[in-house]
Amino acid sequence: MSTKAHNFPVQIPLPIDPRTPSRLSGSRGKAASTVAALPFRGISSDVPKVGLNDICLSYRTESGERILALDHINLQVKTGEFLCIVGPSGCGKSTLLHLIAGLHQPTSGEVLVDGKEVEGPGTDRILIFQELGLFPWLTVGDNVQFGMKMKGIGKAEREEKTRYYLRLVHLSQFKDSYTHQLSGGMRQRVALARALATEPDVLLMDEPFAALDAQTRDLLHDELERIWTETGCTVVFVTHNVREAIRLGDRVALLTFRPGRVKREFPVFLPRPRSLEDPNLARAASEILGELREEINRSLEVEYSVGVKPRVEPGVRS
């Protein structure tokens, strides 16, 4: 099946370069046309930062049955881009992140970073899980330093970077606290600071805000967008929340139900910073939800193949 991308159909404002000063200003009212674009950081834009080329992944179950999880995935992520991936449960979204991180190898195809094949984990790619993986016996500062210690960075430099990244996520005063003393949103920011402290080129985020309340999640959307702007890193972000994907992403890739294929790609041309309450954002999300709903219904029909087959009807919440 072809994975050729289609253009996003919604008529929304003209695109703004992701590195324009308007994103740094924090002003929601400035016209995009008055701002000059800044150049991309990093390697030439001719070479994708992350390339997934004809990726297939299959595995064998305990019963001996072979399951095709990913089928001919083709995705290219530009340097500094914020790509969001959505799809029904079980379509292989998290598996794609694991492949980019080098935690698994595809059955066929190639995963490239800066044009070089990924052969295993590396400090140029950091994966943030929903469970965070913070060490409860370490202080916030020691958690942030952990990855730098593994890289052999000296104590003075570690402490300087720890102070910098804790300031970046607004947690400087909690450097000597333990993780059980923090709220869920604060722990998420510690995980983000720890990932950023190793200065990765690619930040991989697997539903990092799914367990948070709506208010905290909204605040962290703002924080993540600000940090992405300041660091210039490339982000691949997996979520079930379509509005969250439109809120954060430069582009949204929709995967089909198993086997996972790229059903469609949606460039997002809404100006930044964005708000979940923006009618244009809601309209853009409805376009993706319509196609996502088809895949959710496919998954439900497989799960409930015997008896009644429930369907998701228009009006389902994102």
C-alpha atoms as a PDB file:
ATOM      1  CA  MET A   1       0.000   0.000   0.000  1.00  0.00           C
ATOM      2  CA  SER A   2       1.245   3.421  -0.860  1.00  0.00           C
ATOM      3  CA  THR A   3       2.271   5.715   1.970  1.00  0.00           C
ATOM      4  CA  LYS A   4       2.387   8.840  -0.196  1.00  0.00           C
ATOM      5  CA  ALA A   5       1.551  11.955   1.831  1.00  0.00           C
ATOM      6  CA  HIS A   6      -1.482  14.123   1.082  1.00  0.00           C
ATOM      7  CA  ASN A   7      -1.883  17.812   1.745  1.00  0.00           C
ATOM      8  CA  PHE A   8      -3.876  19.058   4.681  1.00  0.00           C
ATOM      9  CA  PRO A   9      -7.283  20.236   3.386  1.00  0.00           C
ATOM     10  CA  VAL A  10      -8.283  22.836   5.961  1.00  0.00           C
ATOM     11  CA  GLN A  11      -7.967  26.489   4.949  1.00  0.00           C
ATOM     12  CA  ILE A  12      -5.907  27.962   7.787  1.00  0.00           C
ATOM     13  CA  PRO A  13      -3.287  30.742   8.039  1.00  0.00           C
ATOM     14  CA  LEU A  14      -0.118  30.697   5.964  1.00  0.00           C
ATOM     15  CA  PRO A  15       2.804  28.700   7.437  1.00  0.00           C
ATOM     16  CA  ILE A  16       5.306  30.290   9.786  1.00  0.00           C
ATOM     17  CA  ASP A  17       8.854  28.992   9.926  1.00  0.00           C
ATOM     18  CA  PRO A  18       9.197  27.013  13.179  1.00  0.00           C
ATOM     19  CA  ARG A  19      12.117  29.109  14.276  1.00  0.00           C
ATOM     20  CA  THR A  20      10.587  32.578  13.873  1.00  0.00           C
ATOM     21  CA  PRO A  21      11.061  35.181  16.631  1.00  0.00           C
ATOM     22  CA  SER A  22       7.276  35.377  17.036  1.00  0.00           C
ATOM     23  CA  ARG A  23       7.446  32.109  18.963  1.00  0.00           C
ATOM     24  CA  LEU A  24       9.985  33.562  21.328  1.00  0.00           C
ATOM     25  CA  SER A  25       7.981  36.703  21.989  1.00  0.00           C
ATOM     26  CA  GLY A  26       5.034  34.945  23.578  1.00  0.00           C
ATOM     27  CA  SER A  27       2.649  37.408  21.960  1.00  0.00           C
ATOM     28  CA  ARG A  28      -0.485  35.885  20.497  1.00  0.00           C
ATOM     29  CA  GLY A  29      -1.550  38.972  18.611  1.00  0.00           C
ATOM     30  CA  LYS A  30       1.372  39.744  16.278  1.00  0.00           C
ATOM     31  CA  ALA A  31       0.956  39.243  12.555  1.00  0.00           C
ATOM     32  CA  ALA A  32       3.157  36.542  11.098  1.00  0.00           C
ATOM     33  CA  SER A  33       4.086  38.594   8.040  1.00  0.00           C
ATOM     34  CA  THR A  34       5.968  41.161  10.138  1.00  0.00           C
ATOM     35  CA  VAL A  35       8.520  38.642  11.391  1.00  0.00           C
ATOM     36  CA  ALA A  36      11.614  37.510   9.494  1.00  0.00           C
ATOM     37  CA  ALA A  37      12.369  33.796   9.555  1.00  0.00           C
ATOM     38  CA  LEU A  38      15.480  32.533  11.305  1.00  0.00           C
ATOM     39  CA  PRO A  39      17.588  29.812   9.639  1.00  0.00           C
ATOM     40  CA  PHE A  40      17.319  26.159  10.662  1.00  0.00           C
ATOM     41  CA  ARG A  41      19.937  24.941  13.118  1.00  0.00           C
ATOM     42  CA  GLY A  42      21.978  21.805  12.553  1.00  0.00           C
ATOM     43  CA  ILE A  43      22.689  19.894   9.365  1.00  0.00           C
ATOM     44  CA  SER A  44      21.454  20.742   5.889  1.00  0.00           C
ATOM     45  CA  SER A  45      17.717  20.444   5.457  1.00  0.00           C
ATOM     46  CA  ASP A  46      18.442  18.291   2.372  1.00  0.00           C
ATOM     47  CA  VAL A  47      19.290  15.439   4.760  1.00  0.00           C
ATOM     48  CA  PRO A  48      16.387  14.431   7.040  1.00  0.00           C
ATOM     49  CA  LYS A  49      17.263  14.337  10.719  1.00  0.00           C
ATOM     50  CA  VAL A  50      15.324  11.071  11.043  1.00  0.00           C
ATOM     51  CA  GLY A  51      14.489   8.802   8.144  1.00  0.00           C
ATOM     52  CA  LEU A  52      12.231   5.751   8.287  1.00  0.00           C
ATOM     53  CA  ASN A  53      12.620   4.003   4.960  1.00  0.00           C
ATOM     54  CA  ASP A  54      10.279   1.139   4.059  1.00  0.00           C
ATOM     55  CA  ILE A  55      10.151  -0.101   7.656  1.00  0.00           C
ATOM     56  CA  CYS A  56       8.487  -3.453   8.305  1.00  0.00           C
ATOM     57  CA  LEU A  57       8.338  -5.196  11.673  1.00  0.00           C
ATOM     58  CA  SER A  58       6.858  -8.586  12.447  1.00  0.00           C
ATOM     59  CA  TYR A  59       7.054 -10.853  15.450  1.00  0.00           C
ATOM     60  CA  ARG A  60       6.008 -14.363  16.410  1.00  0.00           C
ATOM     61  CA  THR A  61       3.482 -14.974  19.196  1.00  0.00           C
ATOM     62  CA  GLU A  62       3.688 -17.780  21.756  1.00  0.00           C
ATOM     63  CA  SER A  63       1.235 -19.770  19.645  1.00  0.00           C
ATOM     64  CA  GLY A  64       3.610 -19.558  16.693  1.00  0.00           C
ATOM     65  CA  GLU A  65       1.533 -17.093  14.721  1.00  0.00           C
ATOM     66  CA  ARG A  66       3.469 -14.319  12.968  1.00  0.00           C
ATOM     67  CA  ILE A  67       2.029 -10.827  13.430  1.00  0.00           C
ATOM     68  CA  LEU A  68       2.860  -7.969  11.079  1.00  0.00           C
ATOM     69  CA  ALA A  69       3.060  -4.884  13.333  1.00  0.00           C
ATOM     70  CA  LEU A  70       4.436  -2.267  10.914  1.00  0.00           C
ATOM     71  CA  ASP A  71       4.079  -2.406   7.145  1.00  0.00           C
ATOM     72  CA  HIS A  72       6.279  -0.325   4.821  1.00  0.00           C
ATOM     73  CA  ILE A  73       6.496   2.810   6.964  1.00  0.00           C
ATOM     74  CA  ASN A  74       8.078   5.791   5.199  1.00  0.00           C
ATOM     75  CA  LEU A  75       8.541   8.984   7.229  1.00  0.00           C
ATOM     76  CA  GLN A  76      11.126  11.744   6.996  1.00  0.00           C
ATOM     77  CA  VAL A  77      11.611  14.228   9.862  1.00  0.00           C
ATOM     78  CA  LYS A  78      13.438  17.496   9.205  1.00  0.00           C
ATOM     79  CA  THR A  79      16.009  18.963  11.530  1.00  0.00           C
ATOM     80  CA  GLY A  80      14.219  20.991  14.213  1.00  0.00           C
ATOM     81  CA  GLU A  81      10.780  19.698  13.232  1.00  0.00           C
ATOM     82  CA  PHE A  82       8.095  18.746  15.766  1.00  0.00           C
ATOM     83  CA  LEU A  83       6.377  15.630  14.395  1.00  0.00           C
ATOM     84  CA  CYS A  84       3.361  14.159  16.173  1.00  0.00           C
ATOM     85  CA  ILE A  85       2.173  10.596  15.543  1.00  0.00           C
ATOM     86  CA  VAL A  86      -1.411   9.538  16.240  1.00  0.00           C
ATOM     87  CA  GLY A  87      -3.343   6.338  15.633  1.00  0.00           C
ATOM     88  CA  PRO A  88      -5.535   3.723  17.328  1.00  0.00           C
ATOM     89  CA  SER A  89      -4.196   1.600  20.168  1.00  0.00           C
ATOM     90  CA  GLY A  90      -1.937  -1.185  18.980  1.00  0.00           C
ATOM     91  CA  CYS A  91      -0.976   0.408  15.662  1.00  0.00           C
ATOM     92  CA  GLY A  92       2.748   0.600  16.434  1.00  0.00           C
ATOM     93  CA  LYS A  93       3.238   4.239  17.457  1.00  0.00           C
ATOM     94  CA  SER A  94       5.452   3.436  20.444  1.00  0.00           C
ATOM     95  CA  THR A  95       7.239   0.751  18.448  1.00  0.00           C
ATOM     96  CA  LEU A  96       8.327   3.401  15.941  1.00  0.00           C
ATOM     97  CA  LEU A  97       9.921   5.396  18.767  1.00  0.00           C
ATOM     98  CA  HIS A  98      11.731   2.287  19.986  1.00  0.00           C
ATOM     99  CA  LEU A  99      13.106   1.717  16.486  1.00  0.00           C
ATOM    100  CA  ILE A 100      14.371   5.305  16.246  1.00  0.00           C
ATOM    101  CA  ALA A 101      15.892   4.990  19.728  1.00  0.00           C
ATOM    102  CA  GLY A 102      17.704   1.830  18.630  1.00  0.00           C
ATOM    103  CA  LEU A 103      16.014  -0.357  21.243  1.00  0.00           C
ATOM    104  CA  HIS A 104      14.667  -2.706  18.540  1.00  0.00           C
ATOM    105  CA  GLN A 105      15.652  -3.525  14.986  1.00  0.00           C
ATOM    106  CA  PRO A 106      13.154  -3.597  12.097  1.00  0.00           C
ATOM    107  CA  THR A 107      12.508  -6.840  10.241  1.00  0.00           C
ATOM    108  CA  SER A 108      13.261  -4.966   7.036  1.00  0.00           C
ATOM    109  CA  GLY A 109      13.912  -1.394   5.964  1.00  0.00           C
ATOM    110  CA  GLU A 110      16.277   1.110   7.540  1.00  0.00           C
ATOM    111  CA  VAL A 111      16.185   3.718  10.293  1.00  0.00           C
ATOM    112  CA  LEU A 112      18.496   6.657   9.610  1.00  0.00           C
ATOM    113  CA  VAL A 113      19.649   9.587  11.731  1.00  0.00           C
ATOM    114  CA  ASP A 114      21.580  12.267   9.830  1.00  0.00           C
ATOM    115  CA  GLY A 115      21.751   9.836   6.932  1.00  0.00           C
ATOM    116  CA  LYS A 116      23.472   7.103   8.996  1.00  0.00           C
ATOM    117  CA  GLU A 117      21.812   3.813   9.871  1.00  0.00           C
ATOM    118  CA  VAL A 118      20.781   3.348  13.515  1.00  0.00           C
ATOM    119  CA  GLU A 119      22.432   0.227  14.918  1.00  0.00           C
ATOM    120  CA  GLY A 120      21.619   0.694  18.605  1.00  0.00           C
ATOM    121  CA  PRO A 121      20.906   3.252  21.337  1.00  0.00           C
ATOM    122  CA  GLY A 122      22.870   6.487  21.358  1.00  0.00           C
ATOM    123  CA  THR A 123      23.036   9.697  23.348  1.00  0.00           C
ATOM    124  CA  ASP A 124      21.985  11.648  20.254  1.00  0.00           C
ATOM    125  CA  ARG A 125      18.476  10.200  20.770  1.00  0.00           C
ATOM    126  CA  ILE A 126      16.631  10.256  24.085  1.00  0.00           C
ATOM    127  CA  LEU A 127      13.310   8.490  24.726  1.00  0.00           C
ATOM    128  CA  ILE A 128      10.957   9.787  27.434  1.00  0.00           C
ATOM    129  CA  PHE A 129       8.416   7.169  28.512  1.00  0.00           C
ATOM    130  CA  GLN A 130       5.020   7.849  30.010  1.00  0.00           C
ATOM    131  CA  GLU A 131       6.291   6.197  33.220  1.00  0.00           C
ATOM    132  CA  LEU A 132       9.254   8.632  33.275  1.00  0.00           C
ATOM    133  CA  GLY A 133      11.760   6.220  34.874  1.00  0.00           C
ATOM    134  CA  LEU A 134      13.014   8.632  37.528  1.00  0.00           C
ATOM    135  CA  PHE A 135      15.085   7.172  40.370  1.00  0.00           C
ATOM    136  CA  PRO A 136      13.221   7.727  43.675  1.00  0.00           C
ATOM    137  CA  TRP A 137      16.391   7.321  45.780  1.00  0.00           C
ATOM    138  CA  LEU A 138      18.080  10.233  43.976  1.00  0.00           C
ATOM    139  CA  THR A 139      17.371  13.925  44.379  1.00  0.00           C
ATOM    140  CA  VAL A 140      16.015  15.968  41.485  1.00  0.00           C
ATOM    141  CA  GLY A 141      19.504  17.286  40.766  1.00  0.00           C
ATOM    142  CA  ASP A 142      21.055  13.824  40.837  1.00  0.00           C
ATOM    143  CA  ASN A 143      18.352  12.519  38.491  1.00  0.00           C
ATOM    144  CA  VAL A 144      19.181  15.273  36.012  1.00  0.00           C
ATOM    145  CA  GLN A 145      22.891  14.496  36.310  1.00  0.00           C
ATOM    146  CA  PHE A 146      22.516  10.755  35.788  1.00  0.00           C
ATOM    147  CA  GLY A 147      22.758  10.700  31.988  1.00  0.00           C
ATOM    148  CA  MET A 148      25.685  13.117  32.049  1.00  0.00           C
ATOM    149  CA  LYS A 149      27.521  10.839  34.482  1.00  0.00           C
ATOM    150  CA  MET A 150      27.018   7.940  32.084  1.00  0.00           C
ATOM    151  CA  LYS A 151      28.595  10.073  29.339  1.00  0.00           C
ATOM    152  CA  GLY A 152      31.635  10.740  31.545  1.00  0.00           C
ATOM    153  CA  ILE A 153      31.048  14.484  31.871  1.00  0.00           C
ATOM    154  CA  GLY A 154      33.047  16.079  34.701  1.00  0.00           C
ATOM    155  CA  LYS A 155      31.432  17.155  37.967  1.00  0.00           C
ATOM    156  CA  ALA A 156      31.780  20.918  37.442  1.00  0.00           C
ATOM    157  CA  GLU A 157      30.201  20.770  33.988  1.00  0.00           C
ATOM    158  CA  ARG A 158      27.449  18.441  35.237  1.00  0.00           C
ATOM    159  CA  GLU A 159      26.507  20.820  38.016  1.00  0.00           C
ATOM    160  CA  GLU A 160      26.516  23.815  35.687  1.00  0.00           C
ATOM    161  CA  LYS A 161      24.270  22.062  33.169  1.00  0.00           C
ATOM    162  CA  THR A 162      21.997  20.796  35.940  1.00  0.00           C
ATOM    163  CA  ARG A 163      21.434  24.344  37.159  1.00  0.00           C
ATOM    164  CA  TYR A 164      20.780  25.522  33.612  1.00  0.00           C
ATOM    165  CA  TYR A 165      18.235  22.842  32.709  1.00  0.00           C
ATOM    166  CA  LEU A 166      16.438  23.038  36.038  1.00  0.00           C
ATOM    167  CA  ARG A 167      16.057  26.779  35.407  1.00  0.00           C
ATOM    168  CA  LEU A 168      14.780  25.958  31.931  1.00  0.00           C
ATOM    169  CA  VAL A 169      11.942  23.828  33.381  1.00  0.00           C
ATOM    170  CA  HIS A 170      11.397  26.183  36.363  1.00  0.00           C
ATOM    171  CA  LEU A 171      12.522  23.725  39.042  1.00  0.00           C
ATOM    172  CA  SER A 172      15.699  25.374  40.375  1.00  0.00           C
ATOM    173  CA  GLN A 173      14.406  25.541  43.945  1.00  0.00           C
ATOM    174  CA  PHE A 174      13.662  21.779  43.962  1.00  0.00           C
ATOM    175  CA  LYS A 175      17.194  20.632  43.102  1.00  0.00           C
ATOM    176  CA  ASP A 176      17.629  18.897  46.485  1.00  0.00           C
ATOM    177  CA  SER A 177      14.099  17.480  46.696  1.00  0.00           C
ATOM    178  CA  TYR A 178      13.152  13.859  46.048  1.00  0.00           C
ATOM    179  CA  THR A 179      10.718  12.839  43.339  1.00  0.00           C
ATOM    180  CA  HIS A 180       8.044  11.624  45.774  1.00  0.00           C
ATOM    181  CA  GLN A 181       7.849  15.206  47.071  1.00  0.00           C
ATOM    182  CA  LEU A 182       6.858  16.552  43.634  1.00  0.00           C
ATOM    183  CA  SER A 183       3.581  16.716  41.759  1.00  0.00           C
ATOM    184  CA  GLY A 184       3.029  14.702  38.576  1.00  0.00           C
ATOM    185  CA  GLY A 185       3.675  17.708  36.380  1.00  0.00           C
ATOM    186  CA  MET A 186       6.876  18.541  38.236  1.00  0.00           C
ATOM    187  CA  ARG A 187       8.142  14.977  37.872  1.00  0.00           C
ATOM    188  CA  GLN A 188       7.447  15.211  34.142  1.00  0.00           C
ATOM    189  CA  ARG A 189       9.560  18.363  33.989  1.00  0.00           C
ATOM    190  CA  VAL A 190      12.392  16.589  35.852  1.00  0.00           C
ATOM    191  CA  ALA A 191      12.318  13.828  33.217  1.00  0.00           C
ATOM    192  CA  LEU A 192      12.414  16.476  30.505  1.00  0.00           C
ATOM    193  CA  ALA A 193      15.362  18.257  32.141  1.00  0.00           C
ATOM    194  CA  ARG A 194      17.248  14.958  32.499  1.00  0.00           C
ATOM    195  CA  ALA A 195      16.693  14.197  28.810  1.00  0.00           C
ATOM    196  CA  LEU A 196      17.734  17.673  27.678  1.00  0.00           C
ATOM    197  CA  ALA A 197      20.835  17.707  29.892  1.00  0.00           C
ATOM    198  CA  THR A 198      22.490  15.103  27.659  1.00  0.00           C
ATOM    199  CA  GLU A 199      21.842  17.530  24.775  1.00  0.00           C
ATOM    200  CA  PRO A 200      20.279  15.050  22.338  1.00  0.00           C
ATOM    201  CA  ASP A 201      19.620  15.940  18.720  1.00  0.00           C
ATOM    202  CA  VAL A 202      16.351  13.994  18.739  1.00  0.00           C
ATOM    203  CA  LEU A 203      13.832  13.931  21.592  1.00  0.00           C
ATOM    204  CA  LEU A 204      11.411  10.986  21.467  1.00  0.00           C
ATOM    205  CA  MET A 205       8.315  11.354  23.655  1.00  0.00           C
ATOM    206  CA  ASP A 206       5.862   8.484  24.216  1.00  0.00           C
ATOM    207  CA  GLU A 207       2.552   9.925  25.511  1.00  0.00           C
ATOM    208  CA  PRO A 208       4.386  11.880  28.229  1.00  0.00           C
ATOM    209  CA  PHE A 209       1.344  13.870  29.379  1.00  0.00           C
ATOM    210  CA  ALA A 210      -1.353  11.169  29.191  1.00  0.00           C
ATOM    211  CA  ALA A 211      -1.613  10.628  32.961  1.00  0.00           C
ATOM    212  CA  LEU A 212      -1.769  14.335  33.872  1.00  0.00           C
ATOM    213  CA  ASP A 213      -4.820  16.444  34.610  1.00  0.00           C
ATOM    214  CA  ALA A 214      -5.969  18.862  31.900  1.00  0.00           C
ATOM    215  CA  GLN A 215      -4.672  22.005  33.615  1.00  0.00           C
ATOM    216  CA  THR A 216      -1.184  20.591  34.173  1.00  0.00           C
ATOM    217  CA  ARG A 217      -1.112  19.202  30.653  1.00  0.00           C
ATOM    218  CA  ASP A 218      -1.942  22.611  29.172  1.00  0.00           C
ATOM    219  CA  LEU A 219       0.859  24.221  31.167  1.00  0.00           C
ATOM    220  CA  LEU A 220       3.345  21.590  30.029  1.00  0.00           C
ATOM    221  CA  HIS A 221       2.317  22.117  26.410  1.00  0.00           C
ATOM    222  CA  ASP A 222       3.465  25.728  26.808  1.00  0.00           C
ATOM    223  CA  GLU A 223       6.664  24.638  28.572  1.00  0.00           C
ATOM    224  CA  LEU A 224       7.536  22.026  25.956  1.00  0.00           C
ATOM    225  CA  GLU A 225       6.946  24.438  23.090  1.00  0.00           C
ATOM    226  CA  ARG A 226       9.135  27.059  24.765  1.00  0.00           C
ATOM    227  CA  ILE A 227      11.931  24.566  25.436  1.00  0.00           C
ATOM    228  CA  TRP A 228      11.746  23.204  21.891  1.00  0.00           C
ATOM    229  CA  THR A 229      12.068  26.757  20.598  1.00  0.00           C
ATOM    230  CA  GLU A 230      15.077  27.512  22.799  1.00  0.00           C
ATOM    231  CA  THR A 231      16.973  24.259  22.193  1.00  0.00           C
ATOM    232  CA  GLY A 232      16.180  23.692  18.499  1.00  0.00           C
ATOM    233  CA  CYS A 233      16.032  19.907  18.938  1.00  0.00           C
ATOM    234  CA  THR A 234      13.987  17.603  16.728  1.00  0.00           C
ATOM    235  CA  VAL A 235      10.934  16.111  18.476  1.00  0.00           C
ATOM    236  CA  VAL A 236       8.935  12.982  17.605  1.00  0.00           C
ATOM    237  CA  PHE A 237       5.894  12.926  19.888  1.00  0.00           C
ATOM    238  CA  VAL A 238       3.390  10.058  20.195  1.00  0.00           C
ATOM    239  CA  THR A 239      -0.089  10.804  21.507  1.00  0.00           C
ATOM    240  CA  HIS A 240      -3.686   9.539  21.429  1.00  0.00           C
ATOM    241  CA  ASN A 241      -4.936  13.116  21.764  1.00  0.00           C
ATOM    242  CA  VAL A 242      -5.510  14.687  18.349  1.00  0.00           C
ATOM    243  CA  ARG A 243      -5.930  18.208  19.712  1.00  0.00           C
ATOM    244  CA  GLU A 244      -2.653  17.835  21.586  1.00  0.00           C
ATOM    245  CA  ALA A 245      -1.003  16.808  18.309  1.00  0.00           C
ATOM    246  CA  ILE A 246      -2.348  19.899  16.509  1.00  0.00           C
ATOM    247  CA  ARG A 247      -1.433  22.090  19.487  1.00  0.00           C
ATOM    248  CA  LEU A 248       2.226  21.005  19.410  1.00  0.00           C
ATOM    249  CA  GLY A 249       3.120  19.658  15.993  1.00  0.00           C
ATOM    250  CA  ASP A 250       4.457  21.082  12.758  1.00  0.00           C
ATOM    251  CA  ARG A 251       3.049  17.943  11.146  1.00  0.00           C
ATOM    252  CA  VAL A 252       0.808  15.070  12.245  1.00  0.00           C
ATOM    253  CA  ALA A 253       1.229  11.530  10.881  1.00  0.00           C
ATOM    254  CA  LEU A 254      -1.810   9.249  11.184  1.00  0.00           C
ATOM    255  CA  LEU A 255      -1.166   5.492  11.380  1.00  0.00           C
ATOM    256  CA  THR A 256      -3.652   2.797  10.438  1.00  0.00           C
ATOM    257  CA  PHE A 257      -4.779  -0.040  12.672  1.00  0.00           C
ATOM    258  CA  ARG A 258      -2.508  -3.075  12.659  1.00  0.00           C
ATOM    259  CA  PRO A 259      -0.491  -3.485  10.617  1.00  0.00           C
ATOM    260  CA  GLY A 260       0.565   0.115  11.110  1.00  0.00           C
ATOM    261  CA  ARG A 261       0.935   2.092   7.900  1.00  0.00           C
ATOM    262  CA  VAL A 262       1.126   5.832   7.314  1.00  0.00           C
ATOM    263  CA  LYS A 263      -2.439   6.531   6.262  1.00  0.00           C
ATOM    264  CA  ARG A 264      -1.968  10.264   5.831  1.00  0.00           C
ATOM    265  CA  GLU A 265       0.230  13.187   6.850  1.00  0.00           C
ATOM    266  CA  PHE A 266      -1.238  16.542   7.892  1.00  0.00           C
ATOM    267  CA  PRO A 267       0.981  19.657   7.815  1.00  0.00           C
ATOM    268  CA  VAL A 268      -0.141  22.120  10.503  1.00  0.00           C
ATOM    269  CA  PHE A 269       0.044  25.758   9.382  1.00  0.00           C
ATOM    270  CA  LEU A 270      -1.522  27.393  12.430  1.00  0.00           C
ATOM    271  CA  PRO A 271       0.629  30.214  13.873  1.00  0.00           C
ATOM    272  CA  ARG A 272       2.343  29.730  17.210  1.00  0.00           C
ATOM    273  CA  PRO A 273       1.788  29.932  20.095  1.00  0.00           C
ATOM    274  CA  ARG A 274      -1.462  27.942  19.797  1.00  0.00           C
ATOM    275  CA  SER A 275      -4.397  27.460  22.108  1.00  0.00           C
ATOM    276  CA  LEU A 276      -6.587  24.384  22.483  1.00  0.00           C
ATOM    277  CA  GLU A 277      -9.584  26.737  22.484  1.00  0.00           C
ATOM    278  CA  ASP A 278      -8.745  28.135  19.030  1.00  0.00           C
ATOM    279  CA  PRO A 279     -11.619  27.318  16.589  1.00  0.00           C
ATOM    280  CA  ASN A 280      -9.102  26.790  13.781  1.00  0.00           C
ATOM    281  CA  LEU A 281      -7.299  24.220  15.903  1.00  0.00           C
ATOM    282  CA  ALA A 282     -10.576  22.426  16.647  1.00  0.00           C
ATOM    283  CA  ARG A 283     -11.481  22.418  12.956  1.00  0.00           C
ATOM    284  CA  ALA A 284      -8.083  21.030  11.996  1.00  0.00           C
ATOM    285  CA  ALA A 285      -8.402  18.323  14.658  1.00  0.00           C
ATOM    286  CA  SER A 286     -11.843  17.309  13.339  1.00  0.00           C
ATOM    287  CA  GLU A 287     -10.323  16.510   9.944  1.00  0.00           C
ATOM    288  CA  ILE A 288      -7.864  14.077  11.523  1.00  0.00           C
ATOM    289  CA  LEU A 289     -10.468  12.654  13.901  1.00  0.00           C
ATOM    290  CA  GLY A 290     -12.694  11.722  10.986  1.00  0.00           C
ATOM    291  CA  GLU A 291      -9.983   9.498   9.526  1.00  0.00           C
ATOM    292  CA  LEU A 292      -8.791   8.255  12.903  1.00  0.00           C
ATOM    293  CA  ARG A 293     -12.351   7.169  13.717  1.00  0.00           C
ATOM    294  CA  GLU A 294     -12.283   4.804  10.734  1.00  0.00           C
ATOM    295  CA  GLU A 295      -9.204   3.088  12.143  1.00  0.00           C
ATOM    296  CA  ILE A 296     -10.684   2.912  15.656  1.00  0.00           C
ATOM    297  CA  ASN A 297     -13.768   1.202  14.190  1.00  0.00           C
ATOM    298  CA  ARG A 298     -11.531  -1.280  12.396  1.00  0.00           C
ATOM    299  CA  SER A 299      -9.800  -2.110  15.675  1.00  0.00           C
ATOM    300  CA  LEU A 300     -13.123  -2.538  17.474  1.00  0.00           C
ATOM    301  CA  GLU A 301     -14.457  -4.813  14.752  1.00  0.00           C
ATOM    302  CA  VAL A 302     -11.406  -7.028  15.125  1.00  0.00           C
ATOM    303  CA  GLU A 303     -11.684  -7.065  18.920  1.00  0.00           C
ATOM    304  CA  TYR A 304     -15.429  -7.748  18.888  1.00  0.00           C
ATOM    305  CA  SER A 305     -15.455 -10.002  15.832  1.00  0.00           C
ATOM    306  CA  VAL A 306     -17.999 -12.238  17.550  1.00  0.00           C
ATOM    307  CA  GLY A 307     -21.381 -10.690  18.353  1.00  0.00           C
ATOM    308  CA  VAL A 308     -22.153  -6.969  18.356  1.00  0.00           C
ATOM    309  CA  LYS A 309     -19.600  -4.712  16.695  1.00  0.00           C
ATOM    310  CA  PRO A 310     -19.644  -1.311  18.414  1.00  0.00           C
ATOM    311  CA  ARG A 311     -18.791   1.739  16.342  1.00  0.00           C
ATOM    312  CA  VAL A 312     -17.469   5.163  17.223  1.00  0.00           C
ATOM    313  CA  GLU A 313     -19.889   7.771  15.925  1.00  0.00           C
ATOM    314  CA  PRO A 314     -19.344  11.458  15.153  1.00  0.00           C
ATOM    315  CA  GLY A 315     -19.066  13.562  18.273  1.00  0.00           C
ATOM    316  CA  VAL A 316     -16.476  11.362  19.990  1.00  0.00           C
ATOM    317  CA  ARG A 317     -14.223  13.506  22.141  1.00  0.00           C
ATOM    318  CA  SER A 318     -10.582  13.971  21.184  1.00  0.00           C
END
